[in-house]
Amino acid sequence: MADVNLPNRADRHSPVTFATLLGRLLGDEPGRPLVTYYGYDADGAVVDRTELSTTTYANWVAKAAGLLTDELDLERGDRLLLDLPTHWLTPVLWGAAWTAGLVVVLPEDLAAGAAGGSVAEGDLAAVVCGPASLDRWSDRADDLVVLACALTPLGRPFAGGVPDGVHDVGVEIWSLPDAYVAIDPPTPEDEARPGRVQGDLLSPPDGPALRVLTTDLSTVAGLDGAVGVLAAGGSLVLVDPAAPSAPWWPEKRSALERDERLEGGAA
């Protein structure tokens, strides 16, 4: 199990970090499904169903945090772009970043920066990309830490390898320990997202703990909503955002509602 300090239950509504939130989830129900991902092919057949219990999720977070900091030398306060679609590795990498005190940046933030906002590409210390944007970011590997996820079942590496200078998460993450303790741990006042601190983003919202379907983890609104589900003690069922536009989706959605006992969701 990941090495996380479990907070006292009386402190549930005090400002939190991701480590305290995850510790709370581990203390409540470590074996329950926390993140479940469904990948479909063009005909609606399930080609990837990956389910992470709270304990397994915490182990992956610990491995990824170790990769980002111990192996790649990222430091508290560094900005990490997550240029990833909806996938089970996406919340793993949020959690790893926040456990280490990194600031999670989304492509939407970069677009705002280009229009005069607060995040410019030059502010980034690292980027995690998927196959769709690997070509773009591999050209930056000389001056930016670039990690790539193949987004294959079981977190396997790219079948054909990655360009020189790029770190294949599916290769480098497996040897890392299932426990992580930050050398310079973040506080609730550390930024989690540009302009938003961990204590604000991760505070439990009012309302029940629900099992929620989402197809959107790549936008600010989607991230905020999914994090709110976890902060409330709920769990996520993730589906590729293209699925709801497919003709087979209504049948698959009904099956998911039944099989996963969904209690909410936008798709």
Protein backbone atom coordinates (compact mmCIF):
# COMPACT_ATOMS: atom_id res chain seq x y z
CA MET A 1 0.00 0.00 0.00
CA ALA A 2 1.17 3.54 -0.70
CA ASP A 3 2.73 5.26 2.28
CA VAL A 4 0.20 7.95 3.16
CA ASN A 5 -0.43 9.56 6.53
CA LEU A 6 -4.10 9.06 7.39
CA PRO A 7 -5.78 12.22 8.75
CA ASN A 8 -7.97 12.19 11.81
CA ARG A 9 -11.65 11.93 10.87
CA ALA A 10 -12.35 15.11 12.85
CA ASP A 11 -10.25 17.00 10.30
CA ARG A 12 -12.40 16.13 7.28
CA HIS A 13 -13.42 19.71 6.57
CA SER A 14 -10.08 21.38 7.25
CA PRO A 15 -7.97 22.47 4.26
CA VAL A 16 -6.42 19.44 2.59
CA THR A 17 -3.63 18.39 0.30
CA PHE A 18 -3.96 15.54 -2.16
CA ALA A 19 -1.97 13.30 0.18
CA THR A 20 -4.46 13.86 3.01
CA LEU A 21 -7.42 13.36 0.67
CA LEU A 22 -5.98 10.08 -0.59
CA GLY A 23 -5.18 9.01 2.95
CA ARG A 24 -8.80 9.63 3.88
CA LEU A 25 -10.03 7.53 0.95
CA LEU A 26 -7.65 4.72 1.88
CA GLY A 27 -8.83 4.82 5.47
CA ASP A 28 -12.50 4.67 4.51
CA GLU A 29 -12.65 1.80 2.01
CA PRO A 30 -9.32 0.76 0.48
CA GLY A 31 -10.66 -2.10 -1.63
CA ARG A 32 -13.55 -0.38 -3.37
CA PRO A 33 -13.33 0.65 -7.06
CA LEU A 34 -12.15 4.25 -7.28
CA VAL A 35 -11.36 4.71 -10.98
CA THR A 36 -12.80 2.48 -13.73
CA TYR A 37 -12.04 3.05 -17.41
CA TYR A 38 -13.83 1.70 -20.50
CA GLY A 39 -12.21 1.85 -23.93
CA TYR A 40 -14.34 0.92 -26.95
CA ASP A 41 -13.52 0.17 -30.57
CA ALA A 42 -15.42 1.71 -33.49
CA ASP A 43 -18.12 -0.95 -33.25
CA GLY A 44 -18.70 -0.51 -29.53
CA ALA A 45 -16.82 -3.56 -28.33
CA VAL A 46 -14.95 -3.10 -25.05
CA VAL A 47 -11.21 -3.31 -25.79
CA ASP A 48 -9.99 -2.08 -22.42
CA ARG A 49 -11.63 -2.20 -19.03
CA THR A 50 -9.24 -1.15 -16.29
CA GLU A 51 -10.39 -0.84 -12.69
CA LEU A 52 -8.29 0.61 -9.90
CA SER A 53 -9.27 0.09 -6.29
CA THR A 54 -8.35 2.90 -3.94
CA THR A 55 -5.25 0.96 -2.88
CA THR A 56 -4.19 0.20 -6.44
CA TYR A 57 -4.80 3.81 -7.44
CA ALA A 58 -2.64 4.98 -4.53
CA ASN A 59 0.14 2.61 -5.61
CA TRP A 60 0.08 4.00 -9.15
CA VAL A 61 0.11 7.57 -7.78
CA ALA A 62 3.16 6.72 -5.68
CA LYS A 63 4.98 5.20 -8.68
CA ALA A 64 4.17 8.18 -10.89
CA ALA A 65 5.18 10.70 -8.20
CA GLY A 66 8.51 8.90 -7.85
CA LEU A 67 9.01 9.02 -11.60
CA LEU A 68 8.30 12.74 -11.78
CA THR A 69 10.51 13.76 -8.87
CA ASP A 70 13.05 11.08 -7.97
CA GLU A 71 13.82 10.05 -11.55
CA LEU A 72 13.15 13.23 -13.55
CA ASP A 73 14.04 15.83 -10.90
CA LEU A 74 10.85 17.89 -11.01
CA GLU A 75 10.40 20.03 -7.91
CA ARG A 76 7.57 21.43 -5.83
CA GLY A 77 6.00 24.36 -7.68
CA ASP A 78 7.03 23.17 -11.17
CA ARG A 79 4.32 23.29 -13.81
CA LEU A 80 3.34 20.02 -15.50
CA LEU A 81 1.18 20.01 -18.62
CA LEU A 82 -1.15 17.02 -18.91
CA ASP A 83 -1.94 16.76 -22.62
CA LEU A 84 -3.94 13.56 -22.24
CA PRO A 85 -7.44 12.38 -23.16
CA THR A 86 -9.89 10.76 -20.77
CA HIS A 87 -8.09 7.64 -19.55
CA TRP A 88 -7.38 5.93 -16.22
CA LEU A 89 -3.81 7.24 -16.24
CA THR A 90 -5.04 10.84 -16.30
CA PRO A 91 -6.26 10.94 -12.65
CA VAL A 92 -3.18 8.91 -11.66
CA LEU A 93 -1.00 11.69 -13.02
CA TRP A 94 -3.05 14.47 -11.38
CA GLY A 95 -2.62 12.70 -8.09
CA ALA A 96 1.09 12.16 -8.60
CA ALA A 97 1.62 15.80 -9.50
CA TRP A 98 -0.28 17.11 -6.48
CA THR A 99 1.37 14.62 -4.13
CA ALA A 100 4.72 16.06 -5.20
CA GLY A 101 3.53 19.68 -5.09
CA LEU A 102 3.49 20.22 -8.86
CA VAL A 103 1.00 22.49 -10.62
CA VAL A 104 -1.23 20.72 -13.16
CA VAL A 105 -1.66 22.67 -16.39
CA LEU A 106 -4.12 21.71 -19.15
CA PRO A 107 -4.02 22.56 -22.87
CA GLU A 108 -6.89 24.96 -22.21
CA ASP A 109 -4.59 26.92 -19.88
CA LEU A 110 -1.94 27.21 -22.59
CA ALA A 111 -4.53 28.59 -25.01
CA ALA A 112 -5.44 31.17 -22.40
CA GLY A 113 -1.75 31.99 -22.00
CA ALA A 114 -1.36 32.53 -25.73
CA ALA A 115 -4.25 34.99 -25.52
CA GLY A 116 -2.60 36.92 -22.71
CA GLY A 117 -3.46 34.67 -19.78
CA SER A 118 -1.19 33.49 -16.99
CA VAL A 119 0.24 30.27 -18.48
CA ALA A 120 2.73 30.32 -21.33
CA GLU A 121 4.47 27.32 -22.84
CA GLY A 122 7.74 28.69 -21.53
CA ASP A 123 6.42 28.34 -17.96
CA LEU A 124 6.29 24.54 -18.23
CA ALA A 125 8.85 22.27 -16.60
CA ALA A 126 7.42 19.07 -18.10
CA VAL A 127 4.63 17.64 -20.24
CA VAL A 128 2.86 14.30 -20.27
CA CYS A 129 1.33 13.50 -23.64
CA GLY A 130 -0.45 10.65 -25.38
CA PRO A 131 0.00 9.23 -28.87
CA ALA A 132 -2.04 12.02 -30.49
CA SER A 133 0.36 14.78 -29.40
CA LEU A 134 3.64 12.85 -29.19
CA ASP A 135 4.99 14.29 -32.44
CA ARG A 136 4.36 17.82 -31.25
CA TRP A 137 6.04 17.45 -27.87
CA SER A 138 8.93 15.19 -28.90
CA ASP A 139 10.43 18.20 -30.69
CA ARG A 140 10.70 19.92 -27.30
CA ALA A 141 12.54 17.10 -25.52
CA ASP A 142 15.85 18.97 -25.62
CA ASP A 143 14.58 21.78 -23.37
CA LEU A 144 11.57 20.25 -21.60
CA VAL A 145 10.96 17.00 -19.73
CA VAL A 146 8.64 15.05 -22.04
CA LEU A 147 6.82 11.91 -20.87
CA ALA A 148 4.57 9.87 -23.14
CA CYS A 149 1.79 7.39 -22.34
CA ALA A 150 0.81 4.84 -24.97
CA LEU A 151 -2.66 4.57 -23.35
CA THR A 152 -2.65 0.83 -23.95
CA PRO A 153 -4.30 -1.77 -21.68
CA LEU A 154 -2.35 -2.42 -18.47
CA GLY A 155 -0.21 0.68 -19.03
CA ARG A 156 2.07 -1.06 -21.52
CA PRO A 157 4.76 0.91 -23.41
CA PHE A 158 4.70 2.12 -27.01
CA ALA A 159 5.11 -0.91 -29.26
CA GLY A 160 7.54 0.91 -31.55
CA GLY A 161 9.34 2.91 -28.88
CA VAL A 162 9.41 6.69 -28.50
CA PRO A 163 11.63 9.39 -30.03
CA ASP A 164 15.02 10.13 -28.48
CA GLY A 165 14.77 12.18 -25.31
CA VAL A 166 11.18 11.19 -24.58
CA HIS A 167 10.40 9.12 -21.47
CA ASP A 168 7.97 6.25 -22.07
CA VAL A 169 5.86 6.04 -18.92
CA GLY A 170 5.01 2.42 -19.73
CA VAL A 171 8.70 1.54 -19.55
CA GLU A 172 9.94 3.69 -16.70
CA ILE A 173 7.15 3.51 -14.13
CA TRP A 174 7.12 -0.21 -13.38
CA SER A 175 10.37 -0.43 -11.41
CA LEU A 176 9.41 2.35 -9.02
CA PRO A 177 8.13 1.61 -5.50
CA ASP A 178 4.48 1.56 -4.46
CA ALA A 179 5.25 4.06 -1.69
CA TYR A 180 6.21 7.72 -1.96
CA VAL A 181 7.08 10.33 0.64
CA ALA A 182 7.71 13.84 -0.66
CA ILE A 183 11.04 15.34 0.44
CA ASP A 184 9.46 18.80 0.26
CA PRO A 185 5.75 18.08 0.82
CA PRO A 186 3.14 20.58 -0.36
CA THR A 187 0.72 22.36 1.95
CA PRO A 188 -2.92 23.30 1.32
CA GLU A 189 -1.61 26.68 0.13
CA ASP A 190 0.43 25.19 -2.74
CA GLU A 191 -0.98 25.71 -6.21
CA ALA A 192 -2.78 22.68 -7.62
CA ARG A 193 -3.91 24.46 -10.77
CA PRO A 194 -2.87 27.88 -12.05
CA GLY A 195 -4.32 30.35 -9.56
CA ARG A 196 -6.02 27.70 -7.41
CA VAL A 197 -4.49 26.09 -4.33
CA GLN A 198 -4.82 22.48 -3.18
CA GLY A 199 -6.86 23.40 -0.11
CA ASP A 200 -9.49 25.00 -2.34
CA LEU A 201 -9.58 22.52 -5.22
CA LEU A 202 -9.55 19.42 -3.02
CA SER A 203 -11.89 20.45 -0.21
CA PRO A 204 -14.88 18.08 0.04
CA PRO A 205 -17.99 19.59 -1.56
CA ASP A 206 -21.40 19.33 0.03
CA GLY A 207 -23.42 16.34 -1.09
CA PRO A 208 -23.27 12.55 -1.11
CA ALA A 209 -20.50 10.29 -2.38
CA LEU A 210 -21.59 9.11 -5.84
CA ARG A 211 -20.30 6.78 -8.55
CA VAL A 212 -20.20 9.07 -11.57
CA LEU A 213 -19.65 8.61 -15.30
CA THR A 214 -17.54 11.19 -17.10
CA THR A 215 -16.14 11.51 -20.60
CA ASP A 216 -14.23 14.73 -19.95
CA LEU A 217 -10.94 14.87 -18.07
CA SER A 218 -9.10 17.15 -20.49
CA THR A 219 -10.84 20.47 -19.81
CA VAL A 220 -10.77 22.67 -16.72
CA ALA A 221 -14.47 22.11 -16.06
CA GLY A 222 -14.10 18.36 -16.51
CA LEU A 223 -11.11 18.14 -14.19
CA ASP A 224 -12.82 20.25 -11.54
CA GLY A 225 -15.93 18.06 -11.67
CA ALA A 226 -14.02 14.79 -11.46
CA VAL A 227 -11.85 16.00 -8.60
CA GLY A 228 -14.99 17.10 -6.78
CA VAL A 229 -16.40 13.57 -7.07
CA LEU A 230 -13.27 12.08 -5.48
CA ALA A 231 -13.09 14.79 -2.81
CA ALA A 232 -16.66 13.94 -1.80
CA GLY A 233 -15.68 10.29 -1.36
CA GLY A 234 -17.17 9.11 -4.65
CA SER A 235 -15.70 7.21 -7.57
CA LEU A 236 -15.29 7.66 -11.33
CA VAL A 237 -16.24 5.63 -14.39
CA LEU A 238 -14.32 7.02 -17.36
CA VAL A 239 -15.24 6.71 -21.04
CA ASP A 240 -13.64 8.18 -24.15
CA PRO A 241 -15.39 11.45 -25.13
CA ALA A 242 -16.11 10.14 -28.65
CA ALA A 243 -18.33 7.36 -27.32
CA PRO A 244 -21.54 9.37 -26.69
CA SER A 245 -21.73 10.36 -30.37
CA ALA A 246 -21.61 6.75 -31.58
CA PRO A 247 -24.86 4.98 -32.59
CA TRP A 248 -24.21 2.14 -30.13
CA TRP A 249 -23.76 4.45 -27.11
CA PRO A 250 -27.34 4.45 -25.70
CA GLU A 251 -27.20 0.67 -25.29
CA LYS A 252 -23.70 0.83 -23.76
CA ARG A 253 -24.73 3.65 -21.46
CA SER A 254 -27.66 1.61 -20.16
CA ALA A 255 -25.36 -1.34 -19.55
CA LEU A 256 -22.89 0.87 -17.68
CA GLU A 257 -25.64 2.32 -15.50
CA ARG A 258 -26.68 -1.20 -14.54
CA ASP A 259 -23.30 -2.91 -14.24
CA GLU A 260 -21.42 -0.05 -12.58
CA ARG A 261 -24.35 1.17 -10.47
CA LEU A 262 -23.92 4.71 -11.71
CA GLU A 263 -25.47 7.52 -9.73
CA GLY A 264 -24.59 10.49 -11.90
CA GLY A 265 -22.72 11.70 -14.96
CA ALA A 266 -22.79 14.15 -17.82
CA ALA A 267 -22.55 11.81 -20.81
